[in-house]
């Protein structure tokens, strides 16, 4: 039965169960863990975390209690045995094939529809975004080194390397665009065999 529940959960629902596998957490603490770990490849807003926690509570996957912390009330969520089994069953399932939603890749498909100088501007701005995001990943390295385990550090390294690749790839494209005044030469079509 637990595996069926895991199959019906979305990835973000399972990420929240995973955050709670480290121990009781408030919604704020869950968001903080997501921001410091998976937000660069799978994010969740406060607006989605709390409804998911409520849904998990209704399913018996988590329980919550209100506690006083430094004179302030906060609600802590804790995995139940059923919740841990669902999380564990999901972890043992083969991962779904990744689908990348990357707006810049979509824009590149239609680059011929904008002016050459706008192509260069778009790529320059995108490289700036990539550099900033890579810097954000570098800023969480101390947290990963202190609080994370070897696998959490591994995924951070993967993210940093992914952004290095993207920065290099788009920098190469920018160089080509500048070389040809915002246009790319048409590549010869491959002959079919």
C-alpha atoms as a PDB file:
ATOM      1  CA  UNK A   1       0.000   0.000   0.000  1.00  0.00           C
ATOM      2  CA  UNK A   2       2.823   2.410   0.810  1.00  0.00           C
ATOM      3  CA  UNK A   3       4.292   2.117  -2.681  1.00  0.00           C
ATOM      4  CA  UNK A   4       0.943   3.084  -4.230  1.00  0.00           C
ATOM      5  CA  UNK A   5       0.857   6.249  -2.142  1.00  0.00           C
ATOM      6  CA  UNK A   6       4.427   7.066  -3.201  1.00  0.00           C
ATOM      7  CA  UNK A   7       3.469   6.633  -6.855  1.00  0.00           C
ATOM      8  CA  UNK A   8       0.670   9.176  -6.472  1.00  0.00           C
ATOM      9  CA  UNK A   9       2.914  11.788  -4.825  1.00  0.00           C
ATOM     10  CA  UNK A  10       4.553  14.451  -6.930  1.00  0.00           C
ATOM     11  CA  UNK A  11       8.305  14.897  -6.706  1.00  0.00           C
ATOM     12  CA  UNK A  12       7.919  18.007  -4.552  1.00  0.00           C
ATOM     13  CA  UNK A  13       5.631  16.075  -2.186  1.00  0.00           C
ATOM     14  CA  UNK A  14       8.376  13.470  -1.861  1.00  0.00           C
ATOM     15  CA  UNK A  15      11.043  16.162  -1.384  1.00  0.00           C
ATOM     16  CA  UNK A  16       9.038  17.425   1.606  1.00  0.00           C
ATOM     17  CA  UNK A  17       8.869  13.907   3.045  1.00  0.00           C
ATOM     18  CA  UNK A  18      12.631  13.700   2.495  1.00  0.00           C
ATOM     19  CA  UNK A  19      13.204  16.951   4.381  1.00  0.00           C
ATOM     20  CA  UNK A  20      11.210  15.544   7.280  1.00  0.00           C
ATOM     21  CA  UNK A  21      13.279  12.334   7.221  1.00  0.00           C
ATOM     22  CA  UNK A  22      16.019  14.415   8.930  1.00  0.00           C
ATOM     23  CA  UNK A  23      13.700  15.118  11.858  1.00  0.00           C
ATOM     24  CA  UNK A  24      10.774  17.375  12.819  1.00  0.00           C
ATOM     25  CA  UNK A  25      10.687  20.659  10.897  1.00  0.00           C
ATOM     26  CA  UNK A  26       8.464  23.700  10.496  1.00  0.00           C
ATOM     27  CA  UNK A  27       7.280  24.756   7.044  1.00  0.00           C
ATOM     28  CA  UNK A  28       9.819  27.577   7.198  1.00  0.00           C
ATOM     29  CA  UNK A  29      12.642  25.117   7.968  1.00  0.00           C
ATOM     30  CA  UNK A  30      11.539  22.851   5.101  1.00  0.00           C
ATOM     31  CA  UNK A  31      11.650  25.814   2.714  1.00  0.00           C
ATOM     32  CA  UNK A  32      15.112  26.705   4.035  1.00  0.00           C
ATOM     33  CA  UNK A  33      16.360  23.138   3.389  1.00  0.00           C
ATOM     34  CA  UNK A  34      14.913  23.235  -0.136  1.00  0.00           C
ATOM     35  CA  UNK A  35      16.515  26.648  -0.778  1.00  0.00           C
ATOM     36  CA  UNK A  36      19.878  25.331   0.414  1.00  0.00           C
ATOM     37  CA  UNK A  37      19.722  22.051  -1.476  1.00  0.00           C
ATOM     38  CA  UNK A  38      17.340  21.304  -4.315  1.00  0.00           C
ATOM     39  CA  UNK A  39      15.970  24.725  -5.291  1.00  0.00           C
ATOM     40  CA  UNK A  40      18.287  25.015  -8.292  1.00  0.00           C
ATOM     41  CA  UNK A  41      16.743  21.919  -9.861  1.00  0.00           C
ATOM     42  CA  UNK A  42      13.439  21.409  -8.035  1.00  0.00           C
ATOM     43  CA  UNK A  43      11.863  24.227  -6.051  1.00  0.00           C
ATOM     44  CA  UNK A  44       8.816  24.687  -3.847  1.00  0.00           C
ATOM     45  CA  UNK A  45       7.213  27.903  -2.628  1.00  0.00           C
ATOM     46  CA  UNK A  46       5.638  28.471   0.765  1.00  0.00           C
ATOM     47  CA  UNK A  47       2.349  28.538  -1.133  1.00  0.00           C
ATOM     48  CA  UNK A  48       2.880  24.914  -2.146  1.00  0.00           C
ATOM     49  CA  UNK A  49       4.653  23.600   0.982  1.00  0.00           C
ATOM     50  CA  UNK A  50       1.835  24.239   3.451  1.00  0.00           C
ATOM     51  CA  UNK A  51      -0.957  22.685   1.343  1.00  0.00           C
ATOM     52  CA  UNK A  52       1.295  19.649   0.774  1.00  0.00           C
ATOM     53  CA  UNK A  53       1.944  19.340   4.513  1.00  0.00           C
ATOM     54  CA  UNK A  54      -1.829  19.504   5.129  1.00  0.00           C
ATOM     55  CA  UNK A  55      -2.403  16.817   2.470  1.00  0.00           C
ATOM     56  CA  UNK A  56       0.342  14.634   3.995  1.00  0.00           C
ATOM     57  CA  UNK A  57      -1.255  15.062   7.413  1.00  0.00           C
ATOM     58  CA  UNK A  58      -4.661  14.024   6.031  1.00  0.00           C
ATOM     59  CA  UNK A  59      -3.048  10.918   4.490  1.00  0.00           C
ATOM     60  CA  UNK A  60      -1.371  10.055   7.799  1.00  0.00           C
ATOM     61  CA  UNK A  61       2.127  10.579   6.387  1.00  0.00           C
ATOM     62  CA  UNK A  62       2.992  13.347   8.861  1.00  0.00           C
ATOM     63  CA  UNK A  63       1.731  14.628  12.186  1.00  0.00           C
ATOM     64  CA  UNK A  64       2.092  18.140  13.490  1.00  0.00           C
ATOM     65  CA  UNK A  65       2.183  19.854  16.826  1.00  0.00           C
ATOM     66  CA  UNK A  66       2.347  23.451  17.882  1.00  0.00           C
ATOM     67  CA  UNK A  67       5.376  24.281  20.017  1.00  0.00           C
ATOM     68  CA  UNK A  68       6.787  27.435  21.589  1.00  0.00           C
ATOM     69  CA  UNK A  69      10.269  28.340  20.371  1.00  0.00           C
ATOM     70  CA  UNK A  70      11.909  31.478  21.784  1.00  0.00           C
ATOM     71  CA  UNK A  71       8.509  32.761  22.889  1.00  0.00           C
ATOM     72  CA  UNK A  72       6.928  32.204  19.462  1.00  0.00           C
ATOM     73  CA  UNK A  73       4.471  29.560  18.372  1.00  0.00           C
ATOM     74  CA  UNK A  74       5.415  27.382  15.455  1.00  0.00           C
ATOM     75  CA  UNK A  75       4.011  24.208  13.972  1.00  0.00           C
ATOM     76  CA  UNK A  76       6.442  21.311  13.675  1.00  0.00           C
ATOM     77  CA  UNK A  77       5.794  18.450  11.271  1.00  0.00           C
ATOM     78  CA  UNK A  78       7.135  14.959  11.818  1.00  0.00           C
ATOM     79  CA  UNK A  79       7.112  11.892   9.583  1.00  0.00           C
ATOM     80  CA  UNK A  80       4.968   9.014  10.755  1.00  0.00           C
ATOM     81  CA  UNK A  81       6.070   5.412  10.200  1.00  0.00           C
ATOM     82  CA  UNK A  82       3.697   5.330   7.235  1.00  0.00           C
ATOM     83  CA  UNK A  83       5.245   8.551   5.883  1.00  0.00           C
ATOM     84  CA  UNK A  84       8.745   7.124   6.183  1.00  0.00           C
ATOM     85  CA  UNK A  85       7.669   3.939   4.380  1.00  0.00           C
ATOM     86  CA  UNK A  86       6.150   5.987   1.554  1.00  0.00           C
ATOM     87  CA  UNK A  87       9.302   8.097   1.296  1.00  0.00           C
ATOM     88  CA  UNK A  88      11.532   5.014   1.372  1.00  0.00           C
ATOM     89  CA  UNK A  89       9.413   3.230  -1.275  1.00  0.00           C
ATOM     90  CA  UNK A  90       9.727   6.299  -3.523  1.00  0.00           C
ATOM     91  CA  UNK A  91      13.501   6.335  -3.003  1.00  0.00           C
ATOM     92  CA  UNK A  92      13.694   2.717  -4.177  1.00  0.00           C
ATOM     93  CA  UNK A  93      11.662   3.323  -7.348  1.00  0.00           C
ATOM     94  CA  UNK A  94      13.555   3.974 -10.574  1.00  0.00           C
ATOM     95  CA  UNK A  95      13.673   7.726 -11.239  1.00  0.00           C
ATOM     96  CA  UNK A  96      11.405   9.192 -13.879  1.00  0.00           C
ATOM     97  CA  UNK A  97      13.101  10.393 -17.031  1.00  0.00           C
ATOM     98  CA  UNK A  98      14.047  14.023 -16.571  1.00  0.00           C
ATOM     99  CA  UNK A  99      12.169  16.594 -18.609  1.00  0.00           C
ATOM    100  CA  UNK A 100      13.972  19.903 -18.822  1.00  0.00           C
ATOM    101  CA  UNK A 101      11.939  23.077 -19.021  1.00  0.00           C
ATOM    102  CA  UNK A 102      14.501  25.652 -20.051  1.00  0.00           C
ATOM    103  CA  UNK A 103      13.032  28.859 -21.428  1.00  0.00           C
ATOM    104  CA  UNK A 104      16.303  30.010 -22.989  1.00  0.00           C
ATOM    105  CA  UNK A 105      16.460  26.813 -25.045  1.00  0.00           C
ATOM    106  CA  UNK A 106      12.942  27.502 -26.296  1.00  0.00           C
ATOM    107  CA  UNK A 107      13.895  31.080 -27.174  1.00  0.00           C
ATOM    108  CA  UNK A 108      16.928  29.833 -29.117  1.00  0.00           C
ATOM    109  CA  UNK A 109      14.591  27.865 -31.390  1.00  0.00           C
ATOM    110  CA  UNK A 110      13.036  31.166 -32.471  1.00  0.00           C
ATOM    111  CA  UNK A 111      16.109  33.417 -32.432  1.00  0.00           C
ATOM    112  CA  UNK A 112      15.786  34.080 -36.163  1.00  0.00           C
ATOM    113  CA  UNK A 113      12.620  36.057 -35.343  1.00  0.00           C
ATOM    114  CA  UNK A 114      14.442  38.802 -33.389  1.00  0.00           C
ATOM    115  CA  UNK A 115      16.996  41.384 -34.482  1.00  0.00           C
ATOM    116  CA  UNK A 116      20.682  40.374 -34.396  1.00  0.00           C
ATOM    117  CA  UNK A 117      21.542  42.905 -31.678  1.00  0.00           C
ATOM    118  CA  UNK A 118      18.682  41.531 -29.542  1.00  0.00           C
ATOM    119  CA  UNK A 119      20.116  38.004 -29.885  1.00  0.00           C
ATOM    120  CA  UNK A 120      23.427  39.206 -28.481  1.00  0.00           C
ATOM    121  CA  UNK A 121      21.673  41.088 -25.660  1.00  0.00           C
ATOM    122  CA  UNK A 122      19.570  38.029 -24.734  1.00  0.00           C
ATOM    123  CA  UNK A 123      22.652  35.796 -24.529  1.00  0.00           C
ATOM    124  CA  UNK A 124      24.641  38.359 -22.517  1.00  0.00           C
ATOM    125  CA  UNK A 125      21.790  38.729 -20.015  1.00  0.00           C
ATOM    126  CA  UNK A 126      21.375  34.974 -19.767  1.00  0.00           C
ATOM    127  CA  UNK A 127      25.078  34.472 -19.065  1.00  0.00           C
ATOM    128  CA  UNK A 128      24.783  37.059 -16.262  1.00  0.00           C
ATOM    129  CA  UNK A 129      21.870  35.061 -14.786  1.00  0.00           C
ATOM    130  CA  UNK A 130      23.847  31.817 -14.988  1.00  0.00           C
ATOM    131  CA  UNK A 131      26.887  33.384 -13.297  1.00  0.00           C
ATOM    132  CA  UNK A 132      24.721  34.745 -10.464  1.00  0.00           C
ATOM    133  CA  UNK A 133      23.035  31.397  -9.938  1.00  0.00           C
ATOM    134  CA  UNK A 134      26.387  29.585  -9.888  1.00  0.00           C
ATOM    135  CA  UNK A 135      27.552  32.096  -7.267  1.00  0.00           C
ATOM    136  CA  UNK A 136      24.459  31.283  -5.180  1.00  0.00           C
ATOM    137  CA  UNK A 137      25.405  27.604  -5.301  1.00  0.00           C
ATOM    138  CA  UNK A 138      28.956  28.459  -4.237  1.00  0.00           C
ATOM    139  CA  UNK A 139      27.557  30.452  -1.297  1.00  0.00           C
ATOM    140  CA  UNK A 140      25.776  27.396   0.098  1.00  0.00           C
ATOM    141  CA  UNK A 141      28.956  25.276   0.015  1.00  0.00           C
ATOM    142  CA  UNK A 142      29.774  26.008   3.696  1.00  0.00           C
ATOM    143  CA  UNK A 143      26.262  24.889   4.698  1.00  0.00           C
ATOM    144  CA  UNK A 144      26.602  21.728   2.590  1.00  0.00           C
ATOM    145  CA  UNK A 145      30.007  21.011   4.106  1.00  0.00           C
ATOM    146  CA  UNK A 146      28.761  21.514   7.690  1.00  0.00           C
ATOM    147  CA  UNK A 147      25.179  20.244   7.573  1.00  0.00           C
ATOM    148  CA  UNK A 148      24.938  18.025   4.524  1.00  0.00           C
ATOM    149  CA  UNK A 149      26.023  14.489   3.870  1.00  0.00           C
ATOM    150  CA  UNK A 150      28.235  13.207   1.046  1.00  0.00           C
ATOM    151  CA  UNK A 151      25.267  12.804  -1.326  1.00  0.00           C
ATOM    152  CA  UNK A 152      23.970  16.304  -0.722  1.00  0.00           C
ATOM    153  CA  UNK A 153      27.476  17.608  -1.410  1.00  0.00           C
ATOM    154  CA  UNK A 154      27.567  15.476  -4.570  1.00  0.00           C
ATOM    155  CA  UNK A 155      24.386  17.066  -5.941  1.00  0.00           C
ATOM    156  CA  UNK A 156      25.757  20.531  -5.166  1.00  0.00           C
ATOM    157  CA  UNK A 157      28.930  19.677  -7.116  1.00  0.00           C
ATOM    158  CA  UNK A 158      26.755  18.443 -10.005  1.00  0.00           C
ATOM    159  CA  UNK A 159      24.856  21.729 -10.014  1.00  0.00           C
ATOM    160  CA  UNK A 160      28.025  23.796 -10.011  1.00  0.00           C
ATOM    161  CA  UNK A 161      29.444  21.767 -12.912  1.00  0.00           C
ATOM    162  CA  UNK A 162      26.168  22.094 -14.832  1.00  0.00           C
ATOM    163  CA  UNK A 163      26.302  25.881 -14.504  1.00  0.00           C
ATOM    164  CA  UNK A 164      29.976  25.942 -15.527  1.00  0.00           C
ATOM    165  CA  UNK A 165      28.988  23.996 -18.665  1.00  0.00           C
ATOM    166  CA  UNK A 166      26.062  26.327 -19.431  1.00  0.00           C
ATOM    167  CA  UNK A 167      28.195  29.435 -18.937  1.00  0.00           C
ATOM    168  CA  UNK A 168      30.862  28.036 -21.256  1.00  0.00           C
ATOM    169  CA  UNK A 169      28.344  26.935 -23.885  1.00  0.00           C
ATOM    170  CA  UNK A 170      26.497  30.248 -23.957  1.00  0.00           C
ATOM    171  CA  UNK A 171      29.803  32.159 -23.910  1.00  0.00           C
ATOM    172  CA  UNK A 172      30.852  30.218 -27.018  1.00  0.00           C
ATOM    173  CA  UNK A 173      27.522  31.049 -28.656  1.00  0.00           C
ATOM    174  CA  UNK A 174      27.954  34.714 -27.737  1.00  0.00           C
ATOM    175  CA  UNK A 175      31.414  34.728 -29.292  1.00  0.00           C
ATOM    176  CA  UNK A 176      29.979  33.265 -32.524  1.00  0.00           C
ATOM    177  CA  UNK A 177      27.114  35.765 -32.583  1.00  0.00           C
ATOM    178  CA  UNK A 178      29.493  38.674 -32.110  1.00  0.00           C
ATOM    179  CA  UNK A 179      31.813  37.307 -34.799  1.00  0.00           C
ATOM    180  CA  UNK A 180      28.942  37.269 -37.313  1.00  0.00           C
ATOM    181  CA  UNK A 181      27.211  40.488 -36.132  1.00  0.00           C
ATOM    182  CA  UNK A 182      24.419  38.724 -34.252  1.00  0.00           C
ATOM    183  CA  UNK A 183      23.787  36.055 -36.837  1.00  0.00           C
ATOM    184  CA  UNK A 184      25.063  32.522 -37.293  1.00  0.00           C
ATOM    185  CA  UNK A 185      26.181  31.107 -40.612  1.00  0.00           C
ATOM    186  CA  UNK A 186      23.895  28.437 -42.019  1.00  0.00           C
ATOM    187  CA  UNK A 187      25.433  25.020 -41.527  1.00  0.00           C
ATOM    188  CA  UNK A 188      25.349  22.714 -44.542  1.00  0.00           C
ATOM    189  CA  UNK A 189      22.624  20.099 -44.326  1.00  0.00           C
ATOM    190  CA  UNK A 190      23.778  16.558 -43.730  1.00  0.00           C
ATOM    191  CA  UNK A 191      23.239  14.222 -46.625  1.00  0.00           C
ATOM    192  CA  UNK A 192      21.195  11.190 -45.839  1.00  0.00           C
ATOM    193  CA  UNK A 193      22.810   7.826 -46.540  1.00  0.00           C
END
